[in-house]
PDB file of all heavy atoms in Angstrom:
ATOM      1  N   ASP A   1       0.728  -1.145   0.057  1.00  0.00           N
ATOM      2  CA  ASP A   1       0.007  -0.036   0.000  1.00  0.00           C
ATOM      3  C   ASP A   1       0.822   1.243   0.039  1.00  0.00           C
ATOM      4  O   ASP A   1       0.402   2.285  -0.619  1.00  0.00           O
ATOM      5  CB  ASP A   1      -1.003  -0.003   1.300  1.00  0.00           C
ATOM      6  CG  ASP A   1      -2.027  -1.083   1.124  1.00  0.00           C
ATOM      7  OD1 ASP A   1      -2.260  -1.614   0.128  1.00  0.00           O
ATOM      8  OD2 ASP A   1      -2.471  -1.413   2.254  1.00  0.00           O
ATOM      9  N   LYS A   2       1.964   1.196   0.686  1.00  0.00           N
ATOM     10  CA  LYS A   2       2.933   2.387   0.737  1.00  0.00           C
ATOM     11  C   LYS A   2       3.657   2.493  -0.608  1.00  0.00           C
ATOM     12  O   LYS A   2       3.910   3.736  -1.020  1.00  0.00           O
ATOM     13  CB  LYS A   2       3.849   2.305   1.862  1.00  0.00           C
ATOM     14  CG  LYS A   2       3.196   2.406   3.224  1.00  0.00           C
ATOM     15  CD  LYS A   2       4.101   2.082   4.420  1.00  0.00           C
ATOM     16  CE  LYS A   2       3.432   2.207   5.698  1.00  0.00           C
ATOM     17  NZ  LYS A   2       4.371   1.873   6.872  1.00  0.00           N
ATOM     18  N   ILE A   3       3.952   1.527  -1.218  1.00  0.00           N
ATOM     19  CA  ILE A   3       4.642   1.510  -2.488  1.00  0.00           C
ATOM     20  C   ILE A   3       3.882   2.145  -3.572  1.00  0.00           C
ATOM     21  O   ILE A   3       4.234   3.023  -4.283  1.00  0.00           O
ATOM     22  CB  ILE A   3       5.357   0.207  -2.845  1.00  0.00           C
ATOM     23  CG1 ILE A   3       6.449  -0.166  -1.959  1.00  0.00           C
ATOM     24  CG2 ILE A   3       5.782   0.147  -4.297  1.00  0.00           C
ATOM     25  CD1 ILE A   3       7.071  -1.552  -2.149  1.00  0.00           C
ATOM     26  N   ASN A   4       2.803   1.497  -3.704  1.00  0.00           N
ATOM     27  CA  ASN A   4       1.564   1.948  -4.517  1.00  0.00           C
ATOM     28  C   ASN A   4       2.085   2.512  -5.965  1.00  0.00           C
ATOM     29  O   ASN A   4       1.855   3.597  -6.349  1.00  0.00           O
ATOM     30  CB  ASN A   4       0.856   3.052  -3.795  1.00  0.00           C
ATOM     31  CG  ASN A   4      -0.541   3.392  -4.413  1.00  0.00           C
ATOM     32  OD1 ASN A   4      -1.037   2.583  -5.166  1.00  0.00           O
ATOM     33  ND2 ASN A   4      -0.927   4.676  -4.271  1.00  0.00           N
ATOM     34  N   TYR A   5       2.733   1.600  -6.738  1.00  0.00           N
ATOM     35  CA  TYR A   5       3.087   1.893  -8.099  1.00  0.00           C
ATOM     36  C   TYR A   5       4.216   2.915  -8.294  1.00  0.00           C
ATOM     37  O   TYR A   5       4.394   3.500  -9.296  1.00  0.00           O
ATOM     38  CB  TYR A   5       1.862   2.210  -9.015  1.00  0.00           C
ATOM     39  CG  TYR A   5       0.823   1.158  -8.979  1.00  0.00           C
ATOM     40  CD1 TYR A   5      -0.411   1.411  -8.405  1.00  0.00           C
ATOM     41  CD2 TYR A   5       0.969  -0.026  -9.744  1.00  0.00           C
ATOM     42  CE1 TYR A   5      -1.386   0.472  -8.393  1.00  0.00           C
ATOM     43  CE2 TYR A   5      -0.086  -1.000  -9.772  1.00  0.00           C
ATOM     44  CZ  TYR A   5      -1.203  -0.791  -8.999  1.00  0.00           C
ATOM     45  OH  TYR A   5      -2.203  -1.686  -9.186  1.00  0.00           O
ATOM     46  N   GLN A   6       4.987   3.076  -7.288  1.00  0.00           N
ATOM     47  CA  GLN A   6       6.100   4.010  -7.409  1.00  0.00           C
ATOM     48  C   GLN A   6       7.289   3.469  -8.221  1.00  0.00           C
ATOM     49  O   GLN A   6       7.362   2.239  -8.312  1.00  0.00           O
ATOM     50  CB  GLN A   6       6.576   4.528  -6.103  1.00  0.00           C
ATOM     51  CG  GLN A   6       5.533   5.346  -5.197  1.00  0.00           C
ATOM     52  CD  GLN A   6       6.160   5.800  -3.937  1.00  0.00           C
ATOM     53  OE1 GLN A   6       7.140   6.438  -3.878  1.00  0.00           O
ATOM     54  NE2 GLN A   6       5.440   5.413  -2.783  1.00  0.00           N
ATOM     55  N   LYS A   7       8.257   4.299  -8.707  1.00  0.00           N
ATOM     56  CA  LYS A   7       9.359   3.717  -9.366  1.00  0.00           C
ATOM     57  C   LYS A   7      10.486   3.443  -8.401  1.00  0.00           C
ATOM     58  O   LYS A   7      11.326   2.627  -8.691  1.00  0.00           O
ATOM     59  CB  LYS A   7       9.846   4.829 -10.497  1.00  0.00           C
ATOM     60  CG  LYS A   7       8.853   4.958 -11.662  1.00  0.00           C
ATOM     61  CD  LYS A   7       9.442   5.923 -12.564  1.00  0.00           C
ATOM     62  CE  LYS A   7       8.509   6.082 -13.833  1.00  0.00           C
ATOM     63  NZ  LYS A   7       9.029   6.922 -14.837  1.00  0.00           N
ATOM     64  N   SER A   8      10.509   4.165  -7.318  1.00  0.00           N
ATOM     65  CA  SER A   8      11.420   3.823  -6.220  1.00  0.00           C
ATOM     66  C   SER A   8      10.792   4.121  -4.980  1.00  0.00           C
ATOM     67  O   SER A   8       9.826   4.814  -4.887  1.00  0.00           O
ATOM     68  CB  SER A   8      12.701   4.707  -6.410  1.00  0.00           C
ATOM     69  OG  SER A   8      12.371   6.060  -6.315  1.00  0.00           O
ATOM     70  N   TYR A   9      11.324   3.556  -3.822  1.00  0.00           N
ATOM     71  CA  TYR A   9      10.684   3.717  -2.517  1.00  0.00           C
ATOM     72  C   TYR A   9      11.689   3.703  -1.433  1.00  0.00           C
ATOM     73  O   TYR A   9      12.624   2.951  -1.372  1.00  0.00           O
ATOM     74  CB  TYR A   9       9.678   2.550  -2.296  1.00  0.00           C
ATOM     75  CG  TYR A   9       9.063   2.613  -0.950  1.00  0.00           C
ATOM     76  CD1 TYR A   9       8.169   3.592  -0.631  1.00  0.00           C
ATOM     77  CD2 TYR A   9       9.265   1.603  -0.017  1.00  0.00           C
ATOM     78  CE1 TYR A   9       7.513   3.611   0.620  1.00  0.00           C
ATOM     79  CE2 TYR A   9       8.717   1.650   1.279  1.00  0.00           C
ATOM     80  CZ  TYR A   9       7.811   2.706   1.533  1.00  0.00           C
ATOM     81  OH  TYR A   9       7.238   2.629   2.816  1.00  0.00           O
ATOM     82  N   LYS A  10      11.559   4.715  -0.679  1.00  0.00           N
ATOM     83  CA  LYS A  10      12.477   4.865   0.647  1.00  0.00           C
ATOM     84  C   LYS A  10      11.757   4.124   1.724  1.00  0.00           C
ATOM     85  O   LYS A  10      10.651   4.496   2.161  1.00  0.00           O
ATOM     86  CB  LYS A  10      12.520   6.376   0.942  1.00  0.00           C
ATOM     87  CG  LYS A  10      13.671   6.555   2.088  1.00  0.00           C
ATOM     88  CD  LYS A  10      13.731   8.137   2.334  1.00  0.00           C
ATOM     89  CE  LYS A  10      14.801   8.430   3.340  1.00  0.00           C
ATOM     90  NZ  LYS A  10      14.903   9.830   3.607  1.00  0.00           N
ATOM     91  N   LEU A  11      12.484   3.058   2.288  1.00  0.00           N
ATOM     92  CA  LEU A  11      11.825   2.199   3.251  1.00  0.00           C
ATOM     93  C   LEU A  11      11.617   3.035   4.533  1.00  0.00           C
ATOM     94  O   LEU A  11      12.470   3.769   5.045  1.00  0.00           O
ATOM     95  CB  LEU A  11      12.874   1.045   3.478  1.00  0.00           C
ATOM     96  CG  LEU A  11      13.082   0.102   2.335  1.00  0.00           C
ATOM     97  CD1 LEU A  11      14.169  -1.098   2.884  1.00  0.00           C
ATOM     98  CD2 LEU A  11      11.817  -0.537   1.833  1.00  0.00           C
ATOM     99  N   GLU A  12      10.396   2.707   5.134  1.00  0.00           N
ATOM    100  CA  GLU A  12      10.088   3.323   6.402  1.00  0.00           C
ATOM    101  C   GLU A  12      10.333   2.368   7.523  1.00  0.00           C
ATOM    102  O   GLU A  12      10.391   2.773   8.772  1.00  0.00           O
ATOM    103  CB  GLU A  12       8.557   3.661   6.391  1.00  0.00           C
ATOM    104  CG  GLU A  12       8.242   4.698   5.385  1.00  0.00           C
ATOM    105  CD  GLU A  12       6.692   5.102   5.324  1.00  0.00           C
ATOM    106  OE1 GLU A  12       6.043   4.587   6.407  1.00  0.00           O
ATOM    107  OE2 GLU A  12       6.219   5.803   4.503  1.00  0.00           O
ATOM    108  N   ALA A  13      10.531   1.194   7.211  1.00  0.00           N
ATOM    109  CA  ALA A  13      10.947   0.119   8.266  1.00  0.00           C
ATOM    110  C   ALA A  13      11.866  -0.977   7.779  1.00  0.00           C
ATOM    111  O   ALA A  13      12.002  -1.164   6.416  1.00  0.00           O
ATOM    112  CB  ALA A  13       9.677  -0.525   8.757  1.00  0.00           C
ATOM    113  N   ASP A  14      12.530  -1.660   8.528  1.00  0.00           N
ATOM    114  CA  ASP A  14      13.474  -2.694   8.026  1.00  0.00           C
ATOM    115  C   ASP A  14      12.665  -3.740   7.286  1.00  0.00           C
ATOM    116  O   ASP A  14      11.573  -4.233   7.696  1.00  0.00           O
ATOM    117  CB  ASP A  14      14.243  -3.398   9.323  1.00  0.00           C
ATOM    118  CG  ASP A  14      15.110  -2.345   9.891  1.00  0.00           C
ATOM    119  OD1 ASP A  14      15.309  -1.316   9.486  1.00  0.00           O
ATOM    120  OD2 ASP A  14      15.647  -2.788  11.070  1.00  0.00           O
ATOM    121  N   THR A  15      13.304  -4.342   6.263  1.00  0.00           N
ATOM    122  CA  THR A  15      12.590  -5.293   5.528  1.00  0.00           C
ATOM    123  C   THR A  15      13.625  -6.023   4.680  1.00  0.00           C
ATOM    124  O   THR A  15      14.883  -5.967   4.855  1.00  0.00           O
ATOM    125  CB  THR A  15      11.507  -4.726   4.574  1.00  0.00           C
ATOM    126  OG1 THR A  15      10.830  -5.796   4.033  1.00  0.00           O
ATOM    127  CG2 THR A  15      12.045  -3.940   3.433  1.00  0.00           C
ATOM    128  N   ASN A  16      13.098  -6.886   3.726  1.00  0.00           N
ATOM    129  CA  ASN A  16      14.105  -7.613   2.839  1.00  0.00           C
ATOM    130  C   ASN A  16      13.543  -7.563   1.395  1.00  0.00           C
ATOM    131  O   ASN A  16      12.395  -7.253   1.093  1.00  0.00           O
ATOM    132  CB  ASN A  16      14.283  -9.019   3.371  1.00  0.00           C
ATOM    133  CG  ASN A  16      13.140  -9.807   3.540  1.00  0.00           C
ATOM    134  OD1 ASN A  16      12.273  -9.933   2.502  1.00  0.00           O
ATOM    135  ND2 ASN A  16      12.819 -10.381   4.662  1.00  0.00           N
ATOM    136  N   LEU A  17      14.439  -8.054   0.434  1.00  0.00           N
ATOM    137  CA  LEU A  17      13.958  -8.127  -1.026  1.00  0.00           C
ATOM    138  C   LEU A  17      12.828  -8.967  -1.263  1.00  0.00           C
ATOM    139  O   LEU A  17      11.954  -8.749  -2.080  1.00  0.00           O
ATOM    140  CB  LEU A  17      15.178  -8.400  -1.792  1.00  0.00           C
ATOM    141  CG  LEU A  17      16.220  -7.344  -2.066  1.00  0.00           C
ATOM    142  CD1 LEU A  17      17.299  -7.835  -3.049  1.00  0.00           C
ATOM    143  CD2 LEU A  17      15.519  -6.060  -2.605  1.00  0.00           C
ATOM    144  N   SER A  18      12.633 -10.166  -0.587  1.00  0.00           N
ATOM    145  CA  SER A  18      11.611 -11.031  -0.706  1.00  0.00           C
ATOM    146  C   SER A  18      10.232 -10.493  -0.392  1.00  0.00           C
ATOM    147  O   SER A  18       9.282 -10.526  -1.045  1.00  0.00           O
ATOM    148  CB  SER A  18      11.812 -12.286   0.229  1.00  0.00           C
ATOM    149  OG  SER A  18      12.958 -12.979  -0.316  1.00  0.00           O
ATOM    150  N   ASP A  19      10.163  -9.643   0.754  1.00  0.00           N
ATOM    151  CA  ASP A  19       8.920  -8.942   1.123  1.00  0.00           C
ATOM    152  C   ASP A  19       8.596  -7.864   0.002  1.00  0.00           C
ATOM    153  O   ASP A  19       7.522  -7.734  -0.249  1.00  0.00           O
ATOM    154  CB  ASP A  19       9.046  -8.318   2.496  1.00  0.00           C
ATOM    155  CG  ASP A  19       8.894  -9.451   3.570  1.00  0.00           C
ATOM    156  OD1 ASP A  19       8.434 -10.524   3.247  1.00  0.00           O
ATOM    157  OD2 ASP A  19       9.168  -9.164   4.724  1.00  0.00           O
ATOM    158  N   ILE A  20       9.599  -7.155  -0.402  1.00  0.00           N
ATOM    159  CA  ILE A  20       9.273  -6.137  -1.426  1.00  0.00           C
ATOM    160  C   ILE A  20       8.826  -6.757  -2.707  1.00  0.00           C
ATOM    161  O   ILE A  20       7.980  -6.303  -3.315  1.00  0.00           O
ATOM    162  CB  ILE A  20      10.627  -5.241  -1.781  1.00  0.00           C
ATOM    163  CG1 ILE A  20      11.185  -4.602  -0.360  1.00  0.00           C
ATOM    164  CG2 ILE A  20      10.391  -4.298  -2.754  1.00  0.00           C
ATOM    165  CD1 ILE A  20      12.450  -3.938  -0.524  1.00  0.00           C
ATOM    166  N   ALA A  21       9.482  -7.936  -3.017  1.00  0.00           N
ATOM    167  CA  ALA A  21       9.051  -8.766  -4.411  1.00  0.00           C
ATOM    168  C   ALA A  21       7.503  -9.087  -4.233  1.00  0.00           C
ATOM    169  O   ALA A  21       6.745  -8.917  -5.042  1.00  0.00           O
ATOM    170  CB  ALA A  21       9.816  -9.899  -4.517  1.00  0.00           C
ATOM    171  N   SER A  22       7.118  -9.544  -2.978  1.00  0.00           N
ATOM    172  CA  SER A  22       5.741  -9.946  -2.748  1.00  0.00           C
ATOM    173  C   SER A  22       4.829  -8.652  -2.881  1.00  0.00           C
ATOM    174  O   SER A  22       3.730  -8.683  -3.534  1.00  0.00           O
ATOM    175  CB  SER A  22       5.547 -10.572  -1.395  1.00  0.00           C
ATOM    176  OG  SER A  22       6.288 -11.758  -1.489  1.00  0.00           O
ATOM    177  N   ALA A  23       5.320  -7.473  -2.271  1.00  0.00           N
ATOM    178  CA  ALA A  23       4.505  -6.259  -2.248  1.00  0.00           C
ATOM    179  C   ALA A  23       4.133  -5.789  -3.715  1.00  0.00           C
ATOM    180  O   ALA A  23       3.145  -5.364  -3.972  1.00  0.00           O
ATOM    181  CB  ALA A  23       5.215  -5.262  -1.416  1.00  0.00           C
ATOM    182  N   VAL A  24       5.299  -5.848  -4.553  1.00  0.00           N
ATOM    183  CA  VAL A  24       5.049  -5.287  -5.860  1.00  0.00           C
ATOM    184  C   VAL A  24       4.430  -6.174  -6.915  1.00  0.00           C
ATOM    185  O   VAL A  24       4.162  -5.949  -8.030  1.00  0.00           O
ATOM    186  CB  VAL A  24       6.510  -4.826  -6.505  1.00  0.00           C
ATOM    187  CG1 VAL A  24       7.080  -3.744  -5.616  1.00  0.00           C
ATOM    188  CG2 VAL A  24       7.508  -6.001  -6.634  1.00  0.00           C
ATOM    189  N   SER A  25       4.245  -7.519  -6.479  1.00  0.00           N
ATOM    190  CA  SER A  25       3.647  -8.501  -7.229  1.00  0.00           C
ATOM    191  C   SER A  25       2.127  -8.405  -7.189  1.00  0.00           C
ATOM    192  O   SER A  25       1.445  -8.977  -8.061  1.00  0.00           O
ATOM    193  CB  SER A  25       4.167  -9.914  -6.870  1.00  0.00           C
ATOM    194  OG  SER A  25       5.486  -9.964  -6.989  1.00  0.00           O
ATOM    195  N   ASP A  26       1.617  -7.987  -6.021  1.00  0.00           N
ATOM    196  CA  ASP A  26       0.068  -7.906  -5.933  1.00  0.00           C
ATOM    197  C   ASP A  26      -0.364  -6.612  -6.511  1.00  0.00           C
ATOM    198  O   ASP A  26      -0.362  -5.603  -5.983  1.00  0.00           O
ATOM    199  CB  ASP A  26      -0.182  -8.013  -4.488  1.00  0.00           C
ATOM    200  CG  ASP A  26      -1.786  -7.954  -4.155  1.00  0.00           C
ATOM    201  OD1 ASP A  26      -2.424  -8.194  -5.148  1.00  0.00           O
ATOM    202  OD2 ASP A  26      -2.027  -7.581  -2.980  1.00  0.00           O
ATOM    203  N   THR A  27      -0.811  -6.784  -7.774  1.00  0.00           N
ATOM    204  CA  THR A  27      -1.249  -5.457  -8.433  1.00  0.00           C
ATOM    205  C   THR A  27      -2.782  -5.624  -8.773  1.00  0.00           C
ATOM    206  O   THR A  27      -3.640  -5.703  -7.937  1.00  0.00           O
ATOM    207  CB  THR A  27      -0.429  -5.311  -9.709  1.00  0.00           C
ATOM    208  OG1 THR A  27      -0.458  -6.380 -10.526  1.00  0.00           O
ATOM    209  CG2 THR A  27       0.956  -4.916  -9.323  1.00  0.00           C
ATOM    210  N   LYS A  28      -3.021  -5.765 -10.075  1.00  0.00           N
ATOM    211  CA  LYS A  28      -4.493  -5.955 -10.466  1.00  0.00           C
ATOM    212  C   LYS A  28      -4.623  -6.937 -11.622  1.00  0.00           C
ATOM    213  O   LYS A  28      -3.677  -7.127 -12.333  1.00  0.00           O
ATOM    214  CB  LYS A  28      -5.034  -4.483 -11.057  1.00  0.00           C
ATOM    215  CG  LYS A  28      -4.056  -3.857 -11.935  1.00  0.00           C
ATOM    216  CD  LYS A  28      -4.571  -2.397 -12.167  1.00  0.00           C
ATOM    217  CE  LYS A  28      -3.649  -1.615 -13.143  1.00  0.00           C
ATOM    218  NZ  LYS A  28      -4.128  -0.239 -13.229  1.00  0.00           N
ATOM    219  N   LYS A  29      -5.676  -7.463 -11.640  1.00  0.00           N
ATOM    220  CA  LYS A  29      -5.999  -8.598 -12.691  1.00  0.00           C
ATOM    221  C   LYS A  29      -6.761  -7.989 -13.721  1.00  0.00           C
ATOM    222  O   LYS A  29      -7.899  -7.394 -13.511  1.00  0.00           O
ATOM    223  CB  LYS A  29      -6.697  -9.743 -11.974  1.00  0.00           C
ATOM    224  CG  LYS A  29      -5.769 -10.456 -10.901  1.00  0.00           C
ATOM    225  CD  LYS A  29      -6.610 -11.586 -10.253  1.00  0.00           C
ATOM    226  CE  LYS A  29      -5.638 -12.319  -9.197  1.00  0.00           C
ATOM    227  NZ  LYS A  29      -5.392 -11.539  -8.046  1.00  0.00           N
ATOM    228  N   PRO A  30      -6.523  -8.230 -15.062  1.00  0.00           N
ATOM    229  CA  PRO A  30      -7.151  -7.651 -16.221  1.00  0.00           C
ATOM    230  C   PRO A  30      -8.463  -8.414 -16.349  1.00  0.00           C
ATOM    231  O   PRO A  30      -8.612  -9.608 -16.099  1.00  0.00           O
ATOM    232  CB  PRO A  30      -6.254  -7.835 -17.307  1.00  0.00           C
ATOM    233  CG  PRO A  30      -5.503  -9.006 -17.076  1.00  0.00           C
ATOM    234  CD  PRO A  30      -5.299  -8.880 -15.575  1.00  0.00           C
ATOM    235  N   ILE A  31      -9.500  -7.756 -16.758  1.00  0.00           N
ATOM    236  CA  ILE A  31     -10.741  -8.396 -17.058  1.00  0.00           C
ATOM    237  C   ILE A  31     -11.138  -8.121 -18.609  1.00  0.00           C
ATOM    238  O   ILE A  31     -11.080  -7.050 -19.052  1.00  0.00           O
ATOM    239  CB  ILE A  31     -11.979  -7.669 -16.310  1.00  0.00           C
ATOM    240  CG1 ILE A  31     -11.608  -7.899 -14.803  1.00  0.00           C
ATOM    241  CG2 ILE A  31     -13.279  -8.364 -16.650  1.00  0.00           C
ATOM    242  CD1 ILE A  31     -12.568  -7.094 -13.912  1.00  0.00           C
ATOM    243  N   TYR A  32     -11.299  -9.110 -19.383  1.00  0.00           N
ATOM    244  CA  TYR A  32     -11.582  -9.164 -20.753  1.00  0.00           C
ATOM    245  C   TYR A  32     -13.035  -9.502 -20.999  1.00  0.00           C
ATOM    246  O   TYR A  32     -13.486 -10.539 -20.752  1.00  0.00           O
ATOM    247  CB  TYR A  32     -10.710 -10.167 -21.465  1.00  0.00           C
ATOM    248  CG  TYR A  32      -9.089  -9.881 -21.378  1.00  0.00           C
ATOM    249  CD1 TYR A  32      -8.373 -10.510 -20.357  1.00  0.00           C
ATOM    250  CD2 TYR A  32      -8.578  -8.993 -22.128  1.00  0.00           C
ATOM    251  CE1 TYR A  32      -7.086 -10.280 -20.207  1.00  0.00           C
ATOM    252  CE2 TYR A  32      -7.175  -8.719 -21.955  1.00  0.00           C
ATOM    253  CZ  TYR A  32      -6.401  -9.300 -20.990  1.00  0.00           C
ATOM    254  OH  TYR A  32      -5.050  -9.146 -20.890  1.00  0.00           O
ATOM    255  N   ILE A  33     -13.736  -8.550 -21.511  1.00  0.00           N
ATOM    256  CA  ILE A  33     -15.136  -8.739 -21.660  1.00  0.00           C
ATOM    257  C   ILE A  33     -15.527  -8.693 -23.162  1.00  0.00           C
ATOM    258  O   ILE A  33     -15.051  -7.963 -23.958  1.00  0.00           O
ATOM    259  CB  ILE A  33     -15.961  -7.538 -21.038  1.00  0.00           C
ATOM    260  CG1 ILE A  33     -15.646  -7.532 -19.516  1.00  0.00           C
ATOM    261  CG2 ILE A  33     -17.424  -7.625 -21.312  1.00  0.00           C
ATOM    262  CD1 ILE A  33     -16.390  -6.415 -18.786  1.00  0.00           C
ATOM    263  N   THR A  34     -16.309  -9.637 -23.626  1.00  0.00           N
ATOM    264  CA  THR A  34     -16.852  -9.725 -24.860  1.00  0.00           C
ATOM    265  C   THR A  34     -18.419  -9.560 -24.859  1.00  0.00           C
ATOM    266  O   THR A  34     -18.971 -10.217 -24.046  1.00  0.00           O
ATOM    267  CB  THR A  34     -16.546 -11.180 -25.551  1.00  0.00           C
ATOM    268  OG1 THR A  34     -15.146 -11.454 -25.570  1.00  0.00           O
ATOM    269  CG2 THR A  34     -17.120 -11.263 -26.913  1.00  0.00           C
ATOM    270  N   VAL A  35     -18.821  -8.629 -25.680  1.00  0.00           N
ATOM    271  CA  VAL A  35     -20.236  -8.284 -25.724  1.00  0.00           C
ATOM    272  C   VAL A  35     -20.808  -8.762 -27.031  1.00  0.00           C
ATOM    273  O   VAL A  35     -20.144  -8.920 -28.031  1.00  0.00           O
ATOM    274  CB  VAL A  35     -20.464  -6.777 -25.407  1.00  0.00           C
ATOM    275  CG1 VAL A  35     -19.939  -6.397 -24.114  1.00  0.00           C
ATOM    276  CG2 VAL A  35     -19.858  -5.990 -26.589  1.00  0.00           C
ATOM    277  N   LEU A  36     -22.108  -8.929 -26.969  1.00  0.00           N
ATOM    278  CA  LEU A  36     -22.771  -9.084 -28.314  1.00  0.00           C
ATOM    279  C   LEU A  36     -23.570  -7.749 -28.735  1.00  0.00           C
ATOM    280  O   LEU A  36     -24.309  -7.255 -27.859  1.00  0.00           O
ATOM    281  CB  LEU A  36     -23.916 -10.133 -28.153  1.00  0.00           C
ATOM    282  CG  LEU A  36     -23.422 -11.633 -28.042  1.00  0.00           C
ATOM    283  CD1 LEU A  36     -24.631 -12.527 -27.843  1.00  0.00           C
ATOM    284  CD2 LEU A  36     -22.631 -12.103 -29.176  1.00  0.00           C
TER     285      LEU A  36
END
């Protein structure tokens, strides 16, 4: 939530690359709609 699609981020608390990887992986899922 804090990173929120930024290009870079200044950490507010200690963490590791694995947690950052998980954080930036949860984004949005595309919806493809076909209409008649």
